[in-house]
Amino acid sequence: MASFVVLLSMFVRERVRKFLVSEEIYFTGQLPKLSPLSPYSYFLFNSSSPLPLSRFQNGCRNLRDWISPPNKGVWHSMNDDELMWRASMVPKIEEYPYNRKPKVAFMFLTRGILPLAPLWEKFFKGYEGLYSIYLHSSKPGFTQESLNSSVFYNRRIPSKPAEWGKASMIDAERRLLANALLDFSNERFVLLSETCIPLFNFTTVYNYLINSRHSNQGSIDDPRPMGRGRYNKRMLPSVSLSDWRKGSQWFEVHRKVAVEIISDVTYYPVLRDHCRPPCYMDEHYFATLVSKICPELNSNRSITWVDWSRGGSHPATFVRKDVSEKFLNRIRHGFNCSYNGFRTTMCFLFARKFHPNTLEPLLRIAPALLGYDP
């Protein structure tokens, strides 16, 4: 009888051991399935590339798996809610446990192709590891890809149509920010259009932004009809008339401010519902939000130059005959502003709106003016 009990005990113990270590039972019977679109599954696995079971069995993923974006571009299957949730995660410990080289995220909001891409190619050449690029195409169904030798290759994020002056434009800009925030190395975030050009070489732009103590979002209290006149009392109590601001949509922000923008669930729905033409959300949302949540972190100016002197609802567009060294130098050093508490004439790092036919003269001027290789 004693021998039978011993044998039975050994049999039961062996069966239990096999049950506990069985991959088949453990992963199909005990672990809940996560949807490929679930924010939790993306956070753990990066939804486009499921984590191998062997790595899960051996414990947590290593640090590089958490802080680095996918190696093959920036495409993913998250919806906007999942993306904002994922991007809003912020480490409480500010000191990074690895050698982090801060990067500048260049976020291009485009209709389709980038007609001035050859100029930007020269701008970025030789500075890999110091920048990230993100493209959002507002043209429905646009799938054209850059050459695989281009810095823009495979940099298009999941995009949706965006209309000027409407909430969909803000959605596109927040979408760009959220995607860029997924890379923990991105420290500064600049929003650019397909008509933008750089005014200085990469080293100058990089040092200017990385060393700045402030974000750069224009935000003014405009008493005119196109300012305060657009305010809607239905925005109370979240946004009062004294809170109401106007500014350029072409912002540049620090990582801390970027997280606040994509995490906002208070002011965005208020302006979405009550700022409609002739109130244009892209001229008021970011200016009002930054003024409300972190005014001390803002320089209160834009670093992207535009010309409104010709009047109308859109700034001037420059064509081939307008481009010259004298013209560009006037933008580069023809203004005064404050940078980290000191006066400077370097107030703008980018300029718009430049027609595609300006590419040839811009490329001709670039080597002498901006220090690019011919």
Protein backbone atom coordinates (compact mmCIF):
# COMPACT_ATOMS: atom_id res chain seq x y z
CA MET A 1 0.00 0.00 0.00
CA ALA A 2 2.80 2.41 0.90
CA SER A 3 4.51 1.70 -2.41
CA PHE A 4 1.27 2.45 -4.26
CA VAL A 5 0.91 5.83 -2.51
CA VAL A 6 4.50 6.76 -3.35
CA LEU A 7 4.03 5.83 -7.00
CA LEU A 8 0.74 7.75 -7.17
CA SER A 9 2.37 10.80 -5.62
CA MET A 10 5.21 10.72 -8.16
CA PHE A 11 2.72 10.36 -11.02
CA VAL A 12 0.61 13.34 -9.88
CA ARG A 13 3.68 15.51 -9.31
CA GLU A 14 4.99 14.75 -12.82
CA ARG A 15 1.61 15.56 -14.41
CA VAL A 16 1.42 18.88 -12.55
CA ARG A 17 4.95 19.80 -13.60
CA LYS A 18 4.16 19.13 -17.27
CA PHE A 19 0.97 21.16 -16.98
CA LEU A 20 2.76 24.20 -15.56
CA VAL A 21 5.59 24.27 -18.10
CA SER A 22 3.53 23.35 -21.16
CA GLU A 23 3.80 26.11 -23.78
CA GLU A 24 0.67 24.90 -25.53
CA ILE A 25 -1.52 25.01 -22.43
CA TYR A 26 0.09 28.15 -21.03
CA PHE A 27 -0.25 30.30 -24.11
CA THR A 28 -3.58 29.10 -25.43
CA GLY A 29 -5.44 28.29 -22.27
CA GLN A 30 -4.21 30.78 -19.69
CA LEU A 31 -3.06 33.95 -21.48
CA PRO A 32 -5.93 36.16 -22.75
CA LYS A 33 -5.74 37.01 -26.41
CA LEU A 34 -5.04 40.67 -27.22
CA SER A 35 -6.41 42.28 -30.33
CA PRO A 36 -3.77 43.41 -32.86
CA LEU A 37 -5.31 46.87 -32.52
CA SER A 38 -5.32 46.89 -28.74
CA PRO A 39 -3.09 49.53 -27.15
CA TYR A 40 -1.96 46.91 -24.69
CA SER A 41 -0.87 44.52 -27.41
CA TYR A 42 1.01 47.28 -29.20
CA PHE A 43 2.70 48.39 -26.02
CA LEU A 44 3.88 44.85 -25.36
CA PHE A 45 4.45 43.54 -28.82
CA ASN A 46 4.38 46.41 -31.38
CA SER A 47 1.21 45.21 -33.12
CA SER A 48 2.83 44.85 -36.55
CA SER A 49 5.54 42.52 -35.18
CA PRO A 50 4.29 40.05 -32.52
CA LEU A 51 6.82 39.22 -29.82
CA PRO A 52 8.22 35.67 -30.19
CA LEU A 53 6.92 33.38 -27.46
CA SER A 54 10.44 32.32 -26.56
CA ARG A 55 11.31 35.91 -25.64
CA PHE A 56 8.16 36.22 -23.55
CA GLN A 57 8.99 32.98 -21.75
CA ASN A 58 12.47 34.22 -20.92
CA GLY A 59 11.12 37.35 -19.22
CA CYS A 60 10.68 41.01 -20.13
CA ARG A 61 11.98 42.50 -23.34
CA ASN A 62 15.28 44.37 -23.07
CA LEU A 63 15.45 48.16 -22.74
CA ARG A 64 16.15 48.81 -26.42
CA ASP A 65 12.89 47.06 -27.35
CA TRP A 66 10.91 49.60 -25.31
CA ILE A 67 12.63 52.82 -26.36
CA SER A 68 13.24 52.24 -30.06
CA PRO A 69 10.71 52.53 -32.87
CA PRO A 70 10.35 49.70 -35.39
CA ASN A 71 13.35 49.27 -37.69
CA LYS A 72 11.18 49.11 -40.80
CA GLY A 73 9.61 52.55 -40.96
CA VAL A 74 6.89 54.11 -38.85
CA TRP A 75 3.77 52.29 -40.06
CA HIS A 76 1.54 50.61 -37.47
CA SER A 77 -2.04 49.41 -36.99
CA MET A 78 -3.10 51.54 -34.02
CA ASN A 79 -6.13 53.78 -34.28
CA ASP A 80 -5.92 57.38 -33.05
CA ASP A 81 -7.19 56.65 -29.54
CA GLU A 82 -4.69 53.84 -29.08
CA LEU A 83 -1.90 55.97 -30.52
CA MET A 84 -2.57 58.91 -28.18
CA TRP A 85 -2.77 56.56 -25.21
CA ARG A 86 0.52 54.91 -26.09
CA ALA A 87 2.31 58.20 -26.82
CA SER A 88 1.14 59.81 -23.59
CA MET A 89 3.17 57.40 -21.47
CA VAL A 90 5.96 59.33 -19.74
CA PRO A 91 8.69 57.91 -17.49
CA LYS A 92 8.57 59.41 -14.00
CA ILE A 93 12.36 59.15 -13.68
CA GLU A 94 13.74 61.95 -15.84
CA GLU A 95 17.32 60.64 -16.02
CA TYR A 96 17.66 58.12 -18.84
CA PRO A 97 19.34 54.78 -17.96
CA TYR A 98 21.22 54.73 -21.28
CA ASN A 99 23.30 57.02 -23.44
CA ARG A 100 20.56 59.05 -25.11
CA LYS A 101 21.42 61.33 -28.03
CA PRO A 102 18.54 63.81 -28.40
CA LYS A 103 17.03 64.10 -31.86
CA VAL A 104 14.86 66.65 -33.65
CA ALA A 105 11.65 65.27 -35.14
CA PHE A 106 10.79 66.90 -38.47
CA MET A 107 7.07 66.40 -39.07
CA PHE A 108 5.84 67.19 -42.58
CA LEU A 109 2.14 67.83 -43.10
CA THR A 110 1.60 67.37 -46.83
CA ARG A 111 -1.08 66.88 -49.44
CA GLY A 112 0.93 64.23 -51.21
CA ILE A 113 4.50 64.40 -52.47
CA LEU A 114 7.20 66.75 -51.20
CA PRO A 115 8.12 68.89 -54.22
CA LEU A 116 11.10 70.44 -52.41
CA ALA A 117 12.44 67.09 -51.19
CA PRO A 118 15.82 67.42 -53.01
CA LEU A 119 16.59 70.54 -50.96
CA TRP A 120 15.70 68.74 -47.73
CA GLU A 121 17.81 65.74 -48.79
CA LYS A 122 20.84 68.03 -48.86
CA PHE A 123 19.83 69.53 -45.52
CA PHE A 124 19.73 66.11 -43.78
CA LYS A 125 22.72 64.52 -45.53
CA GLY A 126 25.42 63.37 -43.13
CA TYR A 127 23.44 63.83 -39.90
CA GLU A 128 21.85 60.42 -39.45
CA GLY A 129 21.05 59.73 -35.81
CA LEU A 130 20.31 63.37 -35.00
CA TYR A 131 16.90 63.61 -36.65
CA SER A 132 13.70 61.69 -37.31
CA ILE A 133 11.29 62.29 -40.19
CA TYR A 134 7.51 61.80 -40.24
CA LEU A 135 5.19 62.37 -43.20
CA HIS A 136 1.42 62.80 -43.00
CA SER A 137 -0.44 62.86 -46.30
CA SER A 138 -3.88 64.47 -46.27
CA LYS A 139 -4.63 63.31 -49.82
CA PRO A 140 -7.03 60.33 -49.70
CA GLY A 141 -5.51 57.16 -51.09
CA PHE A 142 -2.02 58.59 -51.54
CA THR A 143 0.47 55.71 -51.56
CA GLN A 144 3.40 56.99 -53.63
CA GLU A 145 6.68 56.10 -51.94
CA SER A 146 10.07 57.80 -52.11
CA LEU A 147 13.09 55.96 -53.47
CA ASN A 148 14.61 53.61 -50.93
CA SER A 149 17.78 55.72 -51.00
CA SER A 150 15.83 58.79 -49.81
CA VAL A 151 15.66 60.01 -46.20
CA PHE A 152 11.89 60.12 -46.73
CA TYR A 153 11.61 56.44 -47.64
CA ASN A 154 9.17 54.53 -45.45
CA ARG A 155 8.55 57.57 -43.20
CA ARG A 156 4.84 58.05 -43.91
CA ILE A 157 2.62 57.47 -40.89
CA PRO A 158 -0.97 56.17 -41.05
CA SER A 159 -2.79 59.25 -42.34
CA LYS A 160 -6.29 60.61 -42.81
CA PRO A 161 -7.73 63.49 -44.89
CA ALA A 162 -7.13 66.90 -43.31
CA GLU A 163 -9.02 70.06 -44.28
CA TRP A 164 -7.73 73.57 -43.70
CA GLY A 165 -9.43 75.35 -40.82
CA LYS A 166 -11.21 72.24 -39.52
CA ALA A 167 -10.67 69.82 -36.65
CA SER A 168 -9.28 67.21 -39.06
CA MET A 169 -6.22 69.46 -39.52
CA ILE A 170 -5.60 69.46 -35.77
CA ASP A 171 -6.10 65.69 -35.73
CA ALA A 172 -3.38 65.32 -38.37
CA GLU A 173 -0.94 67.49 -36.43
CA ARG A 174 -1.59 65.66 -33.14
CA ARG A 175 -1.21 62.39 -35.04
CA LEU A 176 2.23 63.46 -36.24
CA LEU A 177 3.23 64.47 -32.72
CA ALA A 178 2.04 61.21 -31.21
CA ASN A 179 3.91 59.10 -33.74
CA ALA A 180 7.09 61.09 -33.15
CA LEU A 181 6.73 60.68 -29.38
CA LEU A 182 6.97 56.90 -29.76
CA ASP A 183 10.71 57.40 -30.28
CA PHE A 184 12.11 58.28 -26.86
CA SER A 185 15.14 59.93 -28.48
CA ASN A 186 13.06 62.69 -30.06
CA GLU A 187 13.47 65.80 -27.90
CA ARG A 188 12.22 68.62 -30.15
CA PHE A 189 9.30 68.50 -32.58
CA VAL A 190 8.88 70.89 -35.51
CA LEU A 191 5.81 70.97 -37.76
CA LEU A 192 6.49 71.79 -41.41
CA SER A 193 4.49 71.96 -44.62
CA GLU A 194 5.36 70.81 -48.13
CA THR A 195 6.10 74.47 -49.01
CA CYS A 196 8.63 74.99 -46.20
CA ILE A 197 12.37 75.45 -46.69
CA PRO A 198 15.25 75.50 -44.17
CA LEU A 199 17.01 78.85 -43.76
CA PHE A 200 20.17 77.49 -42.14
CA ASN A 201 22.20 74.29 -42.32
CA PHE A 202 21.37 71.29 -40.17
CA THR A 203 24.02 71.91 -37.50
CA THR A 204 22.76 75.44 -36.87
CA VAL A 205 19.11 74.34 -36.70
CA TYR A 206 19.88 71.37 -34.46
CA ASN A 207 21.93 73.36 -31.95
CA TYR A 208 19.40 76.19 -31.89
CA LEU A 209 16.54 73.85 -31.03
CA ILE A 210 18.27 71.38 -28.71
CA ASN A 211 19.80 74.20 -26.64
CA SER A 212 16.63 76.29 -26.45
CA ARG A 213 14.95 76.62 -23.07
CA HIS A 214 11.56 77.27 -24.66
CA SER A 215 9.10 75.87 -27.16
CA ASN A 216 8.14 78.08 -30.09
CA GLN A 217 4.42 78.62 -30.55
CA GLY A 218 3.07 82.00 -31.57
CA SER A 219 0.27 83.00 -29.18
CA ILE A 220 -1.27 86.47 -29.07
CA ASP A 221 -4.40 88.11 -27.70
CA ASP A 222 -5.72 89.63 -30.93
CA PRO A 223 -8.48 92.20 -30.22
CA ARG A 224 -9.59 92.34 -33.86
CA PRO A 225 -12.61 90.54 -35.35
CA MET A 226 -10.30 87.78 -36.66
CA GLY A 227 -9.05 87.29 -33.10
CA ARG A 228 -11.40 87.89 -30.18
CA GLY A 229 -14.24 88.21 -32.67
CA ARG A 230 -14.03 84.45 -33.25
CA TYR A 231 -14.48 83.58 -29.60
CA ASN A 232 -17.65 81.65 -28.76
CA LYS A 233 -19.16 81.97 -25.27
CA ARG A 234 -20.15 78.33 -25.46
CA MET A 235 -16.51 77.54 -24.76
CA LEU A 236 -17.05 78.56 -21.13
CA PRO A 237 -16.06 77.52 -18.53
CA SER A 238 -13.09 75.66 -20.06
CA VAL A 239 -11.97 78.58 -22.24
CA SER A 240 -12.78 82.18 -21.34
CA LEU A 241 -12.28 85.24 -23.54
CA SER A 242 -9.16 86.11 -21.53
CA ASP A 243 -7.78 82.63 -22.36
CA TRP A 244 -8.47 82.97 -26.08
CA ARG A 245 -5.33 83.18 -28.25
CA LYS A 246 -4.40 83.23 -31.90
CA GLY A 247 -1.19 82.02 -33.52
CA SER A 248 0.50 80.13 -36.31
CA GLN A 249 -0.19 76.42 -36.61
CA TRP A 250 3.46 75.83 -37.55
CA PHE A 251 4.82 75.17 -34.10
CA GLU A 252 8.04 73.81 -32.63
CA VAL A 253 7.82 72.26 -29.17
CA HIS A 254 9.85 70.51 -26.49
CA ARG A 255 9.01 66.90 -25.63
CA LYS A 256 7.26 67.90 -22.38
CA VAL A 257 4.94 70.25 -24.26
CA ALA A 258 4.35 67.68 -27.01
CA VAL A 259 3.13 65.16 -24.44
CA GLU A 260 0.74 67.74 -22.98
CA ILE A 261 -0.68 68.48 -26.43
CA ILE A 262 -1.47 64.89 -27.37
CA SER A 263 -2.78 64.17 -23.86
CA ASP A 264 -5.30 67.01 -23.93
CA VAL A 265 -8.87 65.80 -23.54
CA THR A 266 -10.21 69.03 -22.02
CA TYR A 267 -9.73 71.83 -24.54
CA TYR A 268 -9.68 69.91 -27.81
CA PRO A 269 -13.39 68.87 -27.70
CA VAL A 270 -14.40 72.40 -26.69
CA LEU A 271 -12.75 73.99 -29.73
CA ARG A 272 -13.78 71.13 -31.99
CA ASP A 273 -17.43 71.76 -31.13
CA HIS A 274 -17.44 75.56 -30.91
CA CYS A 275 -14.65 76.89 -33.16
CA ARG A 276 -16.03 76.57 -36.67
CA PRO A 277 -15.71 78.88 -39.69
CA PRO A 278 -15.27 81.80 -39.57
CA CYS A 279 -13.36 80.51 -36.55
CA TYR A 280 -10.45 78.39 -37.78
CA MET A 281 -9.29 75.82 -35.26
CA ASP A 282 -5.71 75.55 -36.56
CA GLU A 283 -5.20 79.27 -35.81
CA HIS A 284 -6.47 79.05 -32.23
CA TYR A 285 -6.21 75.57 -30.70
CA PHE A 286 -2.44 75.25 -30.18
CA ALA A 287 -2.02 78.93 -29.32
CA THR A 288 -4.75 78.77 -26.68
CA LEU A 289 -3.72 75.37 -25.32
CA VAL A 290 -0.04 76.22 -24.81
CA SER A 291 -0.98 79.55 -23.23
CA LYS A 292 -3.29 77.72 -20.83
CA ILE A 293 -1.17 74.75 -19.77
CA CYS A 294 2.49 75.84 -19.96
CA PRO A 295 2.98 79.53 -20.83
CA GLU A 296 6.31 79.60 -18.97
CA LEU A 297 7.74 77.03 -21.42
CA ASN A 298 6.84 79.04 -24.52
CA SER A 299 8.82 81.75 -26.34
CA ASN A 300 5.51 83.04 -27.70
CA ARG A 301 6.79 83.25 -31.28
CA SER A 302 7.00 81.05 -34.35
CA ILE A 303 10.32 80.07 -35.92
CA THR A 304 8.70 79.60 -39.36
CA TRP A 305 8.53 82.83 -41.36
CA VAL A 306 5.58 83.71 -43.62
CA ASP A 307 4.59 86.88 -45.43
CA TRP A 308 1.11 88.21 -44.63
CA SER A 309 1.76 91.67 -46.09
CA ARG A 310 -0.27 91.03 -49.24
CA GLY A 311 -3.50 90.51 -47.28
CA GLY A 312 -6.07 87.77 -47.70
CA SER A 313 -6.77 84.57 -45.82
CA HIS A 314 -3.51 82.91 -46.91
CA PRO A 315 0.11 84.13 -46.80
CA ALA A 316 2.06 84.97 -49.94
CA THR A 317 3.42 82.19 -52.15
CA PHE A 318 6.91 82.76 -53.55
CA VAL A 319 7.86 81.69 -57.06
CA ARG A 320 11.11 81.29 -58.99
CA LYS A 321 11.68 85.00 -59.67
CA ASP A 322 11.39 85.85 -55.96
CA VAL A 323 14.29 83.65 -54.84
CA SER A 324 17.65 85.34 -54.31
CA GLU A 325 20.41 85.44 -51.70
CA LYS A 326 19.38 88.95 -50.72
CA PHE A 327 15.77 87.87 -50.16
CA LEU A 328 16.71 84.85 -48.05
CA ASN A 329 19.29 86.79 -46.02
CA ARG A 330 16.63 89.36 -45.16
CA ILE A 331 14.57 86.58 -43.60
CA ARG A 332 17.59 85.01 -41.90
CA HIS A 333 18.91 88.14 -40.22
CA GLY A 334 16.37 90.91 -40.76
CA PHE A 335 14.50 90.59 -37.46
CA ASN A 336 15.11 90.88 -33.73
CA CYS A 337 13.88 88.52 -31.03
CA SER A 338 14.87 86.87 -27.76
CA TYR A 339 16.59 83.50 -27.51
CA ASN A 340 17.31 82.09 -24.04
CA GLY A 341 17.11 85.59 -22.62
CA PHE A 342 19.46 87.21 -25.16
CA ARG A 343 18.68 89.40 -28.15
CA THR A 344 19.39 87.87 -31.54
CA THR A 345 18.72 88.41 -35.24
CA MET A 346 18.30 84.67 -35.81
CA CYS A 347 14.57 84.46 -35.25
CA PHE A 348 13.42 82.16 -38.05
CA LEU A 349 14.85 78.74 -38.97
CA PHE A 350 12.32 77.93 -41.70
CA ALA A 351 10.21 79.83 -44.21
CA ARG A 352 7.12 79.21 -46.34
CA LYS A 353 5.28 79.24 -48.82
CA PHE A 354 7.63 78.31 -51.66
CA HIS A 355 6.23 77.09 -54.98
CA PRO A 356 7.71 73.89 -56.51
CA ASN A 357 9.30 75.99 -59.28
CA THR A 358 11.62 77.57 -56.68
CA LEU A 359 13.52 74.30 -56.29
CA GLU A 360 16.09 75.01 -59.02
CA PRO A 361 17.16 78.47 -57.76
CA LEU A 362 17.11 77.23 -54.15
CA LEU A 363 19.45 74.36 -55.01
CA ARG A 364 21.72 76.79 -56.87
CA ILE A 365 21.92 79.17 -53.91
CA ALA A 366 22.12 76.51 -51.18
CA PRO A 367 25.88 75.67 -51.32
CA ALA A 368 26.99 79.28 -50.75
CA LEU A 369 24.18 80.40 -48.47
CA LEU A 370 23.47 77.32 -46.38
CA GLY A 371 26.75 75.42 -46.58
CA TYR A 372 25.42 72.37 -48.39
CA ASP A 373 27.51 70.34 -50.77
CA PRO A 374 26.98 71.43 -54.39
